[in-house]
Amino acid sequence: MSLFLTVQRGNQGCQSDKVSSEENLISENTANLTDCPVLSERKEEALPKTPANPASAKEHTIPSDVSQVLENKIVETLPAVQISVVETAVPDPISSHSDLIPGVYEGGLKIWECTFDLLNYLSEAEIQFGNKSVLDLGCGAGLLGITALKRNAGEVHFQDYNSSVIEEITLPNILVNCAHESDDVEGNGELPVKHSGGKDFDLDLLSKCRLFSGEWSAFRKLLLNSKKPFSKYDVILTSETVYNPDYYEALHDTLADLLGINGCVYLASKAHYFGCGGGILLFTKFIEEKNVFKSRVLKVFDKGLKRFIIEMVFKNSL
């Protein structure tokens, strides 16, 4: 078994002449190039055909007693971003197959490289979240949403395709990052037994969180048709979610329907995903054709396979 903490790196050999030429189309507004962590090679596999029956959407509740959620968990702190994460084993059928099984498992058990790119950008650019409504779309470990939560967001919603990812990874990570300062993890990386009680957590922070699983179209409908009050998001954070062109329509419609009129999307992605067919270049072309959003490149990471951070806003926004 492998741990979800494993950071997946881009394959250095998956760029093509076509990709390089496409990059020139969107590179005019790029920021200064910066180095990124050393990339390790990884074999990319072609994806199986996407199943016709995507996952239905549901909301997950945070239990009043979190002792079982955090029982026997080992916690590590990611120094560069100052976020604590809980180690969870990936089931063998998934870890032995591929990074992705479309319609079954969409990669949420691993922290992908572009997530750290976006985390670093949010810090460097001093992006403000104070009192804002934030969505971490395709959240996986939830690091982007947790960052917004720690920076005083008014509310943060976490969404992932797989319910198991929400329950086994996202929720535990939220809990350990909502522990009071005095109850932080011990130096040996083990979660103290005292963390099992709800009284040791910042309940105000937890009350700002909602968690959802399911395919994007189903998730969108769940929110828009819910009897619970729903205000559109000020900020949507998403990383490594444009790898499969089959999902572009659902992703675009979700962003268009859930983002507030003056809201902003921060999206991190590789230039191209070998074996998957997608990437930031193809997705940028897709949104241009839709003519709903305007986008600009905020930052480029040029070592190995190019990685981008882009901003999306409505064309009719102020």
C-alpha atoms as a PDB file:
ATOM      1  CA  MET A   1       0.000   0.000   0.000  1.00  0.00           C
ATOM      2  CA  SER A   2       1.056   3.616  -0.540  1.00  0.00           C
ATOM      3  CA  LEU A   3       0.267   6.646   1.568  1.00  0.00           C
ATOM      4  CA  PHE A   4      -1.904   9.451   0.292  1.00  0.00           C
ATOM      5  CA  LEU A   5       0.846  11.846   1.301  1.00  0.00           C
ATOM      6  CA  THR A   6       2.835  10.766  -1.740  1.00  0.00           C
ATOM      7  CA  VAL A   7       3.336  13.797  -3.985  1.00  0.00           C
ATOM      8  CA  GLN A   8       2.775  12.921  -7.630  1.00  0.00           C
ATOM      9  CA  ARG A   9       5.257  14.551  -9.997  1.00  0.00           C
ATOM     10  CA  GLY A  10       4.852  15.313 -13.689  1.00  0.00           C
ATOM     11  CA  ASN A  11       6.425  13.106 -16.333  1.00  0.00           C
ATOM     12  CA  GLN A  12       9.231  15.072 -17.936  1.00  0.00           C
ATOM     13  CA  GLY A  13       8.911  13.258 -21.233  1.00  0.00           C
ATOM     14  CA  CYS A  14       5.266  13.912 -22.047  1.00  0.00           C
ATOM     15  CA  GLN A  15       5.534  17.223 -23.857  1.00  0.00           C
ATOM     16  CA  SER A  16       5.103  17.284 -27.613  1.00  0.00           C
ATOM     17  CA  ASP A  17       5.757  19.802 -30.393  1.00  0.00           C
ATOM     18  CA  LYS A  18       2.014  20.425 -30.526  1.00  0.00           C
ATOM     19  CA  VAL A  19       1.924  21.257 -26.834  1.00  0.00           C
ATOM     20  CA  SER A  20       4.891  23.600 -27.175  1.00  0.00           C
ATOM     21  CA  SER A  21       3.205  25.504 -29.989  1.00  0.00           C
ATOM     22  CA  GLU A  22      -0.034  25.774 -28.033  1.00  0.00           C
ATOM     23  CA  GLU A  23       1.826  27.219 -25.064  1.00  0.00           C
ATOM     24  CA  ASN A  24       2.778  30.232 -27.148  1.00  0.00           C
ATOM     25  CA  LEU A  25      -0.898  31.112 -27.510  1.00  0.00           C
ATOM     26  CA  ILE A  26      -1.366  31.784 -23.794  1.00  0.00           C
ATOM     27  CA  SER A  27       2.136  32.749 -22.684  1.00  0.00           C
ATOM     28  CA  GLU A  28       1.876  36.489 -23.367  1.00  0.00           C
ATOM     29  CA  ASN A  29       0.472  37.279 -19.911  1.00  0.00           C
ATOM     30  CA  THR A  30       2.677  34.954 -17.892  1.00  0.00           C
ATOM     31  CA  ALA A  31       4.451  36.048 -14.746  1.00  0.00           C
ATOM     32  CA  ASN A  32       8.180  35.543 -14.190  1.00  0.00           C
ATOM     33  CA  LEU A  33       9.267  31.934 -14.371  1.00  0.00           C
ATOM     34  CA  THR A  34      10.276  30.273 -11.111  1.00  0.00           C
ATOM     35  CA  ASP A  35      11.862  26.998 -10.185  1.00  0.00           C
ATOM     36  CA  CYS A  36       9.779  24.157  -8.853  1.00  0.00           C
ATOM     37  CA  PRO A  37      10.696  21.024  -6.858  1.00  0.00           C
ATOM     38  CA  VAL A  38      12.755  18.406  -8.647  1.00  0.00           C
ATOM     39  CA  LEU A  39      10.506  16.257 -10.796  1.00  0.00           C
ATOM     40  CA  SER A  40      10.746  12.487 -10.674  1.00  0.00           C
ATOM     41  CA  GLU A  41       9.727  10.393 -13.626  1.00  0.00           C
ATOM     42  CA  ARG A  42       6.487   8.470 -13.457  1.00  0.00           C
ATOM     43  CA  LYS A  43       4.894   6.161 -15.951  1.00  0.00           C
ATOM     44  CA  GLU A  44       1.610   7.545 -17.273  1.00  0.00           C
ATOM     45  CA  GLU A  45      -1.093   5.119 -18.359  1.00  0.00           C
ATOM     46  CA  ALA A  46      -3.885   5.682 -20.844  1.00  0.00           C
ATOM     47  CA  LEU A  47      -7.190   6.018 -19.029  1.00  0.00           C
ATOM     48  CA  PRO A  48     -10.013   3.510 -19.399  1.00  0.00           C
ATOM     49  CA  LYS A  49     -13.214   4.809 -20.950  1.00  0.00           C
ATOM     50  CA  THR A  50     -15.237   6.979 -18.582  1.00  0.00           C
ATOM     51  CA  PRO A  51     -18.224   5.040 -17.167  1.00  0.00           C
ATOM     52  CA  ALA A  52     -21.729   6.192 -18.113  1.00  0.00           C
ATOM     53  CA  ASN A  53     -22.929   6.323 -14.490  1.00  0.00           C
ATOM     54  CA  PRO A  54     -20.995   8.975 -12.536  1.00  0.00           C
ATOM     55  CA  ALA A  55     -21.054   9.179  -8.751  1.00  0.00           C
ATOM     56  CA  SER A  56     -24.147  10.745  -7.203  1.00  0.00           C
ATOM     57  CA  ALA A  57     -23.633  13.718  -4.902  1.00  0.00           C
ATOM     58  CA  LYS A  58     -24.169  13.904  -1.165  1.00  0.00           C
ATOM     59  CA  GLU A  59     -23.208  16.047   1.793  1.00  0.00           C
ATOM     60  CA  HIS A  60     -21.098  14.562   4.577  1.00  0.00           C
ATOM     61  CA  THR A  61     -21.677  15.576   8.179  1.00  0.00           C
ATOM     62  CA  ILE A  62     -18.927  16.255  10.685  1.00  0.00           C
ATOM     63  CA  PRO A  63     -19.588  13.889  13.609  1.00  0.00           C
ATOM     64  CA  SER A  64     -20.096  15.381  17.044  1.00  0.00           C
ATOM     65  CA  ASP A  65     -17.587  12.865  18.417  1.00  0.00           C
ATOM     66  CA  VAL A  66     -14.469  12.908  16.262  1.00  0.00           C
ATOM     67  CA  SER A  67     -12.568  10.306  18.299  1.00  0.00           C
ATOM     68  CA  GLN A  68     -13.193   7.538  15.763  1.00  0.00           C
ATOM     69  CA  VAL A  69     -12.204   9.748  12.835  1.00  0.00           C
ATOM     70  CA  LEU A  70      -8.779  10.417  14.322  1.00  0.00           C
ATOM     71  CA  GLU A  71      -8.206   7.117  16.100  1.00  0.00           C
ATOM     72  CA  ASN A  72      -4.661   5.798  15.569  1.00  0.00           C
ATOM     73  CA  LYS A  73      -3.872   8.487  13.015  1.00  0.00           C
ATOM     74  CA  ILE A  74      -0.304   9.620  12.382  1.00  0.00           C
ATOM     75  CA  VAL A  75       0.119  13.318  11.628  1.00  0.00           C
ATOM     76  CA  GLU A  76       2.854  15.026   9.651  1.00  0.00           C
ATOM     77  CA  THR A  77       3.364  18.741   9.138  1.00  0.00           C
ATOM     78  CA  LEU A  78       4.226  20.024   5.664  1.00  0.00           C
ATOM     79  CA  PRO A  79       6.812  22.685   6.610  1.00  0.00           C
ATOM     80  CA  ALA A  80       6.584  24.743   3.428  1.00  0.00           C
ATOM     81  CA  VAL A  81       2.866  25.393   3.848  1.00  0.00           C
ATOM     82  CA  GLN A  82       2.445  24.843   7.610  1.00  0.00           C
ATOM     83  CA  ILE A  83      -0.436  22.426   7.239  1.00  0.00           C
ATOM     84  CA  SER A  84      -0.832  19.181   9.170  1.00  0.00           C
ATOM     85  CA  VAL A  85      -1.889  16.079   7.253  1.00  0.00           C
ATOM     86  CA  VAL A  86      -3.030  12.644   8.344  1.00  0.00           C
ATOM     87  CA  GLU A  87      -1.521   9.545   6.778  1.00  0.00           C
ATOM     88  CA  THR A  88      -4.062   7.149   5.290  1.00  0.00           C
ATOM     89  CA  ALA A  89      -3.389   3.971   3.354  1.00  0.00           C
ATOM     90  CA  VAL A  90      -4.532   3.658  -0.257  1.00  0.00           C
ATOM     91  CA  PRO A  91      -6.423   0.398  -0.955  1.00  0.00           C
ATOM     92  CA  ASP A  92      -4.356  -2.077  -2.965  1.00  0.00           C
ATOM     93  CA  PRO A  93      -6.822  -2.339  -5.892  1.00  0.00           C
ATOM     94  CA  ILE A  94      -6.334   1.394  -6.476  1.00  0.00           C
ATOM     95  CA  SER A  95      -2.642   1.799  -5.717  1.00  0.00           C
ATOM     96  CA  SER A  96      -1.705  -1.179  -7.903  1.00  0.00           C
ATOM     97  CA  HIS A  97      -3.784  -0.061 -10.893  1.00  0.00           C
ATOM     98  CA  SER A  98      -3.207   3.553 -11.748  1.00  0.00           C
ATOM     99  CA  ASP A  99      -3.345   7.101 -10.455  1.00  0.00           C
ATOM    100  CA  LEU A 100      -6.828   7.379 -11.984  1.00  0.00           C
ATOM    101  CA  ILE A 101      -9.767   5.094 -12.681  1.00  0.00           C
ATOM    102  CA  PRO A 102     -12.331   7.350 -14.402  1.00  0.00           C
ATOM    103  CA  GLY A 103     -15.729   7.278 -12.764  1.00  0.00           C
ATOM    104  CA  VAL A 104     -14.394   5.102  -9.940  1.00  0.00           C
ATOM    105  CA  TYR A 105     -11.361   6.831  -8.435  1.00  0.00           C
ATOM    106  CA  GLU A 106     -10.239  10.317  -9.499  1.00  0.00           C
ATOM    107  CA  GLY A 107      -6.895  10.637  -7.720  1.00  0.00           C
ATOM    108  CA  GLY A 108      -8.019  12.194  -4.433  1.00  0.00           C
ATOM    109  CA  LEU A 109      -5.937   9.893  -2.256  1.00  0.00           C
ATOM    110  CA  LYS A 110      -2.705  11.580  -3.320  1.00  0.00           C
ATOM    111  CA  ILE A 111      -1.474  15.144  -3.040  1.00  0.00           C
ATOM    112  CA  TRP A 112      -0.639  16.260  -6.557  1.00  0.00           C
ATOM    113  CA  GLU A 113       2.210  18.563  -7.480  1.00  0.00           C
ATOM    114  CA  CYS A 114       0.215  21.558  -8.711  1.00  0.00           C
ATOM    115  CA  THR A 115      -1.523  21.801  -5.345  1.00  0.00           C
ATOM    116  CA  PHE A 116       1.753  22.983  -3.834  1.00  0.00           C
ATOM    117  CA  ASP A 117       2.226  25.400  -6.732  1.00  0.00           C
ATOM    118  CA  LEU A 118      -1.124  26.995  -5.953  1.00  0.00           C
ATOM    119  CA  LEU A 119      -0.528  27.009  -2.195  1.00  0.00           C
ATOM    120  CA  ASN A 120       2.753  28.839  -2.712  1.00  0.00           C
ATOM    121  CA  TYR A 121       1.136  31.315  -5.084  1.00  0.00           C
ATOM    122  CA  LEU A 122      -1.684  32.092  -2.654  1.00  0.00           C
ATOM    123  CA  SER A 123       0.957  32.902  -0.045  1.00  0.00           C
ATOM    124  CA  GLU A 124       3.277  34.889  -2.326  1.00  0.00           C
ATOM    125  CA  ALA A 125       0.452  36.945  -3.826  1.00  0.00           C
ATOM    126  CA  GLU A 126      -1.149  37.446  -0.397  1.00  0.00           C
ATOM    127  CA  ILE A 127      -4.561  36.401  -1.681  1.00  0.00           C
ATOM    128  CA  GLN A 128      -7.177  37.512   0.841  1.00  0.00           C
ATOM    129  CA  PHE A 129      -9.905  35.163   2.081  1.00  0.00           C
ATOM    130  CA  GLY A 130     -11.295  37.197   4.988  1.00  0.00           C
ATOM    131  CA  ASN A 131     -15.047  36.552   5.379  1.00  0.00           C
ATOM    132  CA  LYS A 132     -15.240  35.112   1.857  1.00  0.00           C
ATOM    133  CA  SER A 133     -17.138  32.032   0.736  1.00  0.00           C
ATOM    134  CA  VAL A 134     -14.639  29.535  -0.682  1.00  0.00           C
ATOM    135  CA  LEU A 135     -14.948  26.229  -2.550  1.00  0.00           C
ATOM    136  CA  ASP A 136     -12.093  23.711  -2.747  1.00  0.00           C
ATOM    137  CA  LEU A 137     -13.222  21.852  -5.885  1.00  0.00           C
ATOM    138  CA  GLY A 138     -11.741  18.382  -6.375  1.00  0.00           C
ATOM    139  CA  CYS A 139     -10.246  18.866  -2.934  1.00  0.00           C
ATOM    140  CA  GLY A 140      -8.531  15.534  -2.223  1.00  0.00           C
ATOM    141  CA  ALA A 141      -6.554  16.160   0.965  1.00  0.00           C
ATOM    142  CA  GLY A 142      -8.216  19.571   1.286  1.00  0.00           C
ATOM    143  CA  LEU A 143      -5.031  21.622   1.589  1.00  0.00           C
ATOM    144  CA  LEU A 144      -6.321  24.547  -0.472  1.00  0.00           C
ATOM    145  CA  GLY A 145      -9.539  24.844   1.501  1.00  0.00           C
ATOM    146  CA  ILE A 146      -7.713  24.441   4.806  1.00  0.00           C
ATOM    147  CA  THR A 147      -5.427  27.311   3.824  1.00  0.00           C
ATOM    148  CA  ALA A 148      -8.463  29.513   3.149  1.00  0.00           C
ATOM    149  CA  LEU A 149      -9.963  28.418   6.473  1.00  0.00           C
ATOM    150  CA  LYS A 150      -6.797  29.365   8.342  1.00  0.00           C
ATOM    151  CA  ARG A 151      -6.855  32.765   6.624  1.00  0.00           C
ATOM    152  CA  ASN A 152     -10.248  33.696   8.026  1.00  0.00           C
ATOM    153  CA  ALA A 153     -12.582  32.646   5.229  1.00  0.00           C
ATOM    154  CA  GLY A 154     -16.225  33.058   6.173  1.00  0.00           C
ATOM    155  CA  GLU A 155     -17.061  29.537   5.013  1.00  0.00           C
ATOM    156  CA  VAL A 156     -15.220  26.795   3.143  1.00  0.00           C
ATOM    157  CA  HIS A 157     -16.814  23.958   1.218  1.00  0.00           C
ATOM    158  CA  PHE A 158     -14.819  20.882   0.220  1.00  0.00           C
ATOM    159  CA  GLN A 159     -15.805  18.685  -2.745  1.00  0.00           C
ATOM    160  CA  ASP A 160     -14.257  15.492  -4.077  1.00  0.00           C
ATOM    161  CA  TYR A 161     -15.524  12.847  -6.477  1.00  0.00           C
ATOM    162  CA  ASN A 162     -15.068  10.016  -3.988  1.00  0.00           C
ATOM    163  CA  SER A 163     -16.921   9.799  -0.673  1.00  0.00           C
ATOM    164  CA  SER A 164     -14.089   7.660   0.715  1.00  0.00           C
ATOM    165  CA  VAL A 165     -11.634  10.504   0.082  1.00  0.00           C
ATOM    166  CA  ILE A 166     -13.845  12.950   1.996  1.00  0.00           C
ATOM    167  CA  GLU A 167     -14.279  10.576   4.939  1.00  0.00           C
ATOM    168  CA  GLU A 168     -10.780   9.103   5.158  1.00  0.00           C
ATOM    169  CA  ILE A 169      -8.603  12.074   4.181  1.00  0.00           C
ATOM    170  CA  THR A 170     -10.340  15.433   3.845  1.00  0.00           C
ATOM    171  CA  LEU A 171     -12.274  15.325   7.123  1.00  0.00           C
ATOM    172  CA  PRO A 172      -9.334  14.097   9.263  1.00  0.00           C
ATOM    173  CA  ASN A 173      -7.100  16.785   7.742  1.00  0.00           C
ATOM    174  CA  ILE A 174      -9.652  19.481   8.545  1.00  0.00           C
ATOM    175  CA  LEU A 175      -9.912  18.241  12.117  1.00  0.00           C
ATOM    176  CA  VAL A 176      -6.183  18.213  12.844  1.00  0.00           C
ATOM    177  CA  ASN A 177      -5.868  21.718  11.412  1.00  0.00           C
ATOM    178  CA  CYS A 178      -8.736  22.949  13.583  1.00  0.00           C
ATOM    179  CA  ALA A 179      -6.978  21.846  16.774  1.00  0.00           C
ATOM    180  CA  HIS A 180      -6.234  24.671  19.190  1.00  0.00           C
ATOM    181  CA  GLU A 181      -2.646  25.916  19.118  1.00  0.00           C
ATOM    182  CA  SER A 182      -1.933  24.474  22.552  1.00  0.00           C
ATOM    183  CA  ASP A 183      -3.136  21.060  21.381  1.00  0.00           C
ATOM    184  CA  ASP A 184      -0.848  20.780  18.373  1.00  0.00           C
ATOM    185  CA  VAL A 185       0.657  17.450  17.372  1.00  0.00           C
ATOM    186  CA  GLU A 186       3.551  16.096  19.354  1.00  0.00           C
ATOM    187  CA  GLY A 187       7.110  16.261  18.133  1.00  0.00           C
ATOM    188  CA  ASN A 188       7.166  12.566  17.254  1.00  0.00           C
ATOM    189  CA  GLY A 189       4.402  13.081  14.702  1.00  0.00           C
ATOM    190  CA  GLU A 190       1.812  11.074  16.596  1.00  0.00           C
ATOM    191  CA  LEU A 191      -1.603  12.514  17.360  1.00  0.00           C
ATOM    192  CA  PRO A 192      -2.059  12.763  21.147  1.00  0.00           C
ATOM    193  CA  VAL A 193      -5.008  10.899  22.625  1.00  0.00           C
ATOM    194  CA  LYS A 194      -6.376  14.205  23.966  1.00  0.00           C
ATOM    195  CA  HIS A 195      -7.192  15.221  20.383  1.00  0.00           C
ATOM    196  CA  SER A 196     -10.023  12.693  20.301  1.00  0.00           C
ATOM    197  CA  GLY A 197     -12.341  15.014  22.222  1.00  0.00           C
ATOM    198  CA  GLY A 198     -14.363  17.717  20.473  1.00  0.00           C
ATOM    199  CA  LYS A 199     -13.463  20.208  23.222  1.00  0.00           C
ATOM    200  CA  ASP A 200      -9.888  20.312  21.895  1.00  0.00           C
ATOM    201  CA  PHE A 201     -10.939  21.728  18.533  1.00  0.00           C
ATOM    202  CA  ASP A 202     -11.915  25.172  17.363  1.00  0.00           C
ATOM    203  CA  LEU A 203     -15.624  24.608  16.886  1.00  0.00           C
ATOM    204  CA  ASP A 204     -16.036  27.996  15.234  1.00  0.00           C
ATOM    205  CA  LEU A 205     -13.658  26.913  12.476  1.00  0.00           C
ATOM    206  CA  LEU A 206     -15.379  23.549  12.077  1.00  0.00           C
ATOM    207  CA  SER A 207     -18.762  25.245  11.801  1.00  0.00           C
ATOM    208  CA  LYS A 208     -17.512  27.068   8.699  1.00  0.00           C
ATOM    209  CA  CYS A 209     -16.920  23.793   6.844  1.00  0.00           C
ATOM    210  CA  ARG A 210     -19.208  21.685   4.676  1.00  0.00           C
ATOM    211  CA  LEU A 211     -18.094  18.560   2.831  1.00  0.00           C
ATOM    212  CA  PHE A 212     -19.502  17.033  -0.351  1.00  0.00           C
ATOM    213  CA  SER A 213     -18.751  14.107  -2.627  1.00  0.00           C
ATOM    214  CA  GLY A 214     -19.931  13.224  -6.102  1.00  0.00           C
ATOM    215  CA  GLU A 215     -19.555  14.094  -9.762  1.00  0.00           C
ATOM    216  CA  TRP A 216     -19.485  17.818 -10.530  1.00  0.00           C
ATOM    217  CA  SER A 217     -22.840  18.082 -12.306  1.00  0.00           C
ATOM    218  CA  ALA A 218     -24.554  16.195  -9.491  1.00  0.00           C
ATOM    219  CA  PHE A 219     -22.773  18.322  -6.884  1.00  0.00           C
ATOM    220  CA  ARG A 220     -23.891  21.501  -8.631  1.00  0.00           C
ATOM    221  CA  LYS A 221     -27.512  20.371  -8.702  1.00  0.00           C
ATOM    222  CA  LEU A 222     -27.347  19.306  -5.060  1.00  0.00           C
ATOM    223  CA  LEU A 223     -26.335  22.805  -3.988  1.00  0.00           C
ATOM    224  CA  LEU A 224     -28.658  24.732  -6.275  1.00  0.00           C
ATOM    225  CA  ASN A 225     -31.691  22.573  -5.441  1.00  0.00           C
ATOM    226  CA  SER A 226     -30.990  22.284  -1.719  1.00  0.00           C
ATOM    227  CA  LYS A 227     -33.405  23.592   0.893  1.00  0.00           C
ATOM    228  CA  LYS A 228     -30.390  24.904   2.797  1.00  0.00           C
ATOM    229  CA  PRO A 229     -29.439  28.518   2.018  1.00  0.00           C
ATOM    230  CA  PHE A 230     -26.659  28.722  -0.561  1.00  0.00           C
ATOM    231  CA  SER A 231     -24.675  31.802  -1.515  1.00  0.00           C
ATOM    232  CA  LYS A 232     -22.454  31.602  -4.555  1.00  0.00           C
ATOM    233  CA  TYR A 233     -18.723  31.434  -3.935  1.00  0.00           C
ATOM    234  CA  ASP A 234     -16.376  34.399  -3.852  1.00  0.00           C
ATOM    235  CA  VAL A 235     -13.383  32.157  -4.549  1.00  0.00           C
ATOM    236  CA  ILE A 236     -13.080  28.701  -6.104  1.00  0.00           C
ATOM    237  CA  LEU A 237      -9.743  26.901  -5.725  1.00  0.00           C
ATOM    238  CA  THR A 238      -9.002  23.880  -7.882  1.00  0.00           C
ATOM    239  CA  SER A 239      -5.857  21.951  -8.761  1.00  0.00           C
ATOM    240  CA  GLU A 240      -5.098  19.167 -11.257  1.00  0.00           C
ATOM    241  CA  THR A 241      -8.752  18.953 -12.334  1.00  0.00           C
ATOM    242  CA  VAL A 242      -8.408  19.508 -16.102  1.00  0.00           C
ATOM    243  CA  TYR A 243      -6.577  16.298 -16.982  1.00  0.00           C
ATOM    244  CA  ASN A 244      -9.553  14.690 -18.759  1.00  0.00           C
ATOM    245  CA  PRO A 245     -11.342  16.595 -21.574  1.00  0.00           C
ATOM    246  CA  ASP A 246     -14.442  14.446 -21.008  1.00  0.00           C
ATOM    247  CA  TYR A 247     -15.019  16.405 -17.789  1.00  0.00           C
ATOM    248  CA  TYR A 248     -14.603  19.911 -19.200  1.00  0.00           C
ATOM    249  CA  GLU A 249     -18.290  20.570 -19.832  1.00  0.00           C
ATOM    250  CA  ALA A 250     -19.272  19.562 -16.286  1.00  0.00           C
ATOM    251  CA  LEU A 251     -16.376  21.510 -14.775  1.00  0.00           C
ATOM    252  CA  HIS A 252     -17.115  24.646 -16.780  1.00  0.00           C
ATOM    253  CA  ASP A 253     -20.829  24.555 -15.941  1.00  0.00           C
ATOM    254  CA  THR A 254     -20.077  23.983 -12.263  1.00  0.00           C
ATOM    255  CA  LEU A 255     -17.771  26.986 -12.150  1.00  0.00           C
ATOM    256  CA  ALA A 256     -20.256  29.123 -14.091  1.00  0.00           C
ATOM    257  CA  ASP A 257     -23.227  28.200 -11.885  1.00  0.00           C
ATOM    258  CA  LEU A 258     -21.534  28.302  -8.477  1.00  0.00           C
ATOM    259  CA  LEU A 259     -19.194  31.293  -8.751  1.00  0.00           C
ATOM    260  CA  GLY A 260     -20.480  34.704  -7.676  1.00  0.00           C
ATOM    261  CA  ILE A 261     -20.681  37.345 -10.404  1.00  0.00           C
ATOM    262  CA  ASN A 262     -17.582  39.129  -9.089  1.00  0.00           C
ATOM    263  CA  GLY A 263     -15.890  35.957  -7.882  1.00  0.00           C
ATOM    264  CA  CYS A 264     -12.587  34.448  -8.971  1.00  0.00           C
ATOM    265  CA  VAL A 265     -11.325  30.966  -9.824  1.00  0.00           C
ATOM    266  CA  TYR A 266      -7.697  30.025  -9.162  1.00  0.00           C
ATOM    267  CA  LEU A 267      -6.795  26.936 -11.168  1.00  0.00           C
ATOM    268  CA  ALA A 268      -3.473  25.059 -11.172  1.00  0.00           C
ATOM    269  CA  SER A 269      -2.593  22.525 -13.842  1.00  0.00           C
ATOM    270  CA  LYS A 270       0.126  20.972 -15.947  1.00  0.00           C
ATOM    271  CA  ALA A 271       0.420  22.067 -19.565  1.00  0.00           C
ATOM    272  CA  HIS A 272      -0.544  18.584 -20.710  1.00  0.00           C
ATOM    273  CA  TYR A 273      -1.415  15.243 -19.111  1.00  0.00           C
ATOM    274  CA  PHE A 274       0.068  12.423 -21.132  1.00  0.00           C
ATOM    275  CA  GLY A 275      -2.306   9.462 -21.384  1.00  0.00           C
ATOM    276  CA  CYS A 276      -5.245  11.607 -20.271  1.00  0.00           C
ATOM    277  CA  GLY A 277      -5.458  14.015 -23.184  1.00  0.00           C
ATOM    278  CA  GLY A 278      -6.189  17.167 -21.207  1.00  0.00           C
ATOM    279  CA  GLY A 279      -4.233  20.023 -19.717  1.00  0.00           C
ATOM    280  CA  ILE A 280      -4.322  23.770 -19.184  1.00  0.00           C
ATOM    281  CA  LEU A 281      -3.777  24.538 -22.849  1.00  0.00           C
ATOM    282  CA  LEU A 282      -6.762  22.550 -24.041  1.00  0.00           C
ATOM    283  CA  PHE A 283      -8.947  23.781 -21.179  1.00  0.00           C
ATOM    284  CA  THR A 284      -8.063  27.417 -21.880  1.00  0.00           C
ATOM    285  CA  LYS A 285      -9.147  26.933 -25.479  1.00  0.00           C
ATOM    286  CA  PHE A 286     -12.368  25.308 -24.244  1.00  0.00           C
ATOM    287  CA  ILE A 287     -13.328  28.219 -21.990  1.00  0.00           C
ATOM    288  CA  GLU A 288     -12.519  30.716 -24.733  1.00  0.00           C
ATOM    289  CA  GLU A 289     -14.981  28.940 -27.016  1.00  0.00           C
ATOM    290  CA  LYS A 290     -17.627  28.988 -24.280  1.00  0.00           C
ATOM    291  CA  ASN A 291     -17.224  32.774 -24.005  1.00  0.00           C
ATOM    292  CA  VAL A 292     -18.377  32.913 -20.364  1.00  0.00           C
ATOM    293  CA  PHE A 293     -15.072  33.452 -18.576  1.00  0.00           C
ATOM    294  CA  LYS A 294     -11.955  35.429 -19.310  1.00  0.00           C
ATOM    295  CA  SER A 295      -8.681  33.996 -18.069  1.00  0.00           C
ATOM    296  CA  ARG A 296      -5.124  35.094 -17.549  1.00  0.00           C
ATOM    297  CA  VAL A 297      -1.946  33.288 -16.616  1.00  0.00           C
ATOM    298  CA  LEU A 298      -0.695  34.261 -13.168  1.00  0.00           C
ATOM    299  CA  LYS A 299       2.412  32.118 -12.932  1.00  0.00           C
ATOM    300  CA  VAL A 300       4.381  29.540 -14.890  1.00  0.00           C
ATOM    301  CA  PHE A 301       6.622  26.807 -13.509  1.00  0.00           C
ATOM    302  CA  ASP A 302       9.019  25.974 -16.315  1.00  0.00           C
ATOM    303  CA  LYS A 303      11.102  23.101 -14.947  1.00  0.00           C
ATOM    304  CA  GLY A 304      10.218  19.702 -16.380  1.00  0.00           C
ATOM    305  CA  LEU A 305       6.693  19.608 -17.736  1.00  0.00           C
ATOM    306  CA  LYS A 306       5.352  23.174 -17.660  1.00  0.00           C
ATOM    307  CA  ARG A 307       2.804  23.957 -14.973  1.00  0.00           C
ATOM    308  CA  PHE A 308       0.482  26.935 -14.861  1.00  0.00           C
ATOM    309  CA  ILE A 309      -1.652  28.889 -12.430  1.00  0.00           C
ATOM    310  CA  ILE A 310      -4.483  30.771 -14.097  1.00  0.00           C
ATOM    311  CA  GLU A 311      -7.203  33.102 -12.895  1.00  0.00           C
ATOM    312  CA  MET A 312     -10.751  32.939 -14.272  1.00  0.00           C
ATOM    313  CA  VAL A 313     -13.424  35.618 -13.855  1.00  0.00           C
ATOM    314  CA  PHE A 314     -16.715  36.256 -15.613  1.00  0.00           C
ATOM    315  CA  LYS A 315     -16.489  38.399 -18.726  1.00  0.00           C
ATOM    316  CA  ASN A 316     -19.239  40.631 -17.359  1.00  0.00           C
ATOM    317  CA  SER A 317     -17.683  41.007 -13.896  1.00  0.00           C
ATOM    318  CA  LEU A 318     -16.724  44.412 -12.525  1.00  0.00           C
END
